[in-house]
Protein backbone atom coordinates (compact mmCIF):
# COMPACT_ATOMS: atom_id res chain seq x y z
CA MET A 1 75.57 22.62 46.55
CA ILE A 2 74.00 23.63 43.41
CA GLN A 3 76.66 26.19 41.99
CA ALA A 4 75.67 27.46 38.46
CA PRO A 5 79.03 28.59 36.81
CA ARG A 6 77.78 32.28 36.48
CA PHE A 7 77.76 32.75 40.24
CA ALA A 8 81.34 31.32 40.40
CA ALA A 9 82.56 34.16 38.23
CA LEU A 10 80.92 36.86 40.32
CA PRO A 11 82.66 39.12 42.80
CA GLN A 12 81.85 39.25 46.40
CA LEU A 13 78.28 40.71 46.76
CA ARG A 14 77.85 43.57 49.30
CA VAL A 15 75.18 43.24 51.82
CA GLY A 16 74.05 46.06 54.01
CA VAL A 17 73.50 44.92 57.67
CA GLN A 18 72.07 46.88 60.32
CA LYS A 19 73.86 46.56 63.86
CA ASN A 20 70.74 46.28 66.10
CA ARG A 21 67.32 45.00 64.33
CA PRO A 22 66.84 41.60 66.08
CA PRO A 23 65.82 39.11 65.55
CA PHE A 24 66.04 40.07 61.63
CA ASP A 25 69.33 41.76 61.32
CA PHE A 26 72.05 42.58 63.99
CA VAL A 27 75.72 42.19 65.13
CA ASP A 28 76.19 39.82 68.18
CA ALA A 29 78.63 40.15 70.85
CA ASP A 30 81.36 38.60 69.08
CA GLY A 31 81.10 40.97 66.12
CA ARG A 32 79.43 38.42 63.73
CA HIS A 33 76.44 39.22 61.50
CA ALA A 34 73.50 37.22 63.36
CA GLY A 35 69.58 36.83 62.91
CA LEU A 36 67.15 35.86 60.19
CA ALA A 37 69.02 37.75 57.42
CA ALA A 38 72.33 35.88 58.30
CA ASP A 39 70.85 32.65 58.11
CA VAL A 40 69.11 33.12 54.79
CA LEU A 41 72.65 34.55 53.60
CA GLN A 42 74.35 31.46 54.93
CA THR A 43 72.10 29.21 53.35
CA LEU A 44 72.37 30.90 49.99
CA ALA A 45 76.18 30.83 50.01
CA GLU A 46 76.05 27.11 50.86
CA HIS A 47 73.78 26.30 48.26
CA THR A 48 74.95 28.62 45.57
CA GLY A 49 78.78 29.26 46.22
CA LEU A 50 77.84 33.21 46.33
CA LYS A 51 80.24 35.10 48.49
CA PHE A 52 79.14 37.86 50.60
CA ALA A 53 80.80 40.82 51.98
CA MET A 54 79.07 42.50 54.89
CA VAL A 55 78.76 46.22 55.42
CA VAL A 56 77.67 47.30 58.89
CA ASP A 57 75.98 50.47 59.77
CA GLU A 58 73.40 51.88 62.28
CA SER A 59 70.85 52.76 59.71
CA THR A 60 69.24 52.15 56.41
CA GLU A 61 70.00 55.50 55.22
CA HIS A 62 73.65 55.12 55.98
CA LEU A 63 73.72 51.60 54.45
CA LEU A 64 72.43 52.78 51.36
CA GLY A 65 74.76 55.83 51.12
CA ARG A 66 77.62 53.10 51.71
CA LEU A 67 76.55 50.55 49.47
CA HIS A 68 76.26 52.95 46.56
CA LYS A 69 80.07 53.68 46.68
């Protein structure tokens, strides 16, 4: 794992997840983030030590509003 010291000091980064945008971004039957975006975030977390908090909603507009809070 490549973990820059500055990454370790960061809080969890909030990431917007759309519930139903397969194959890119969706929530599976078990309620887990899945798809290409989930794979990319998992790889980033493994290689950098970054931590992500998922914010799930139906639309981009709703996500943007929730992420700005």
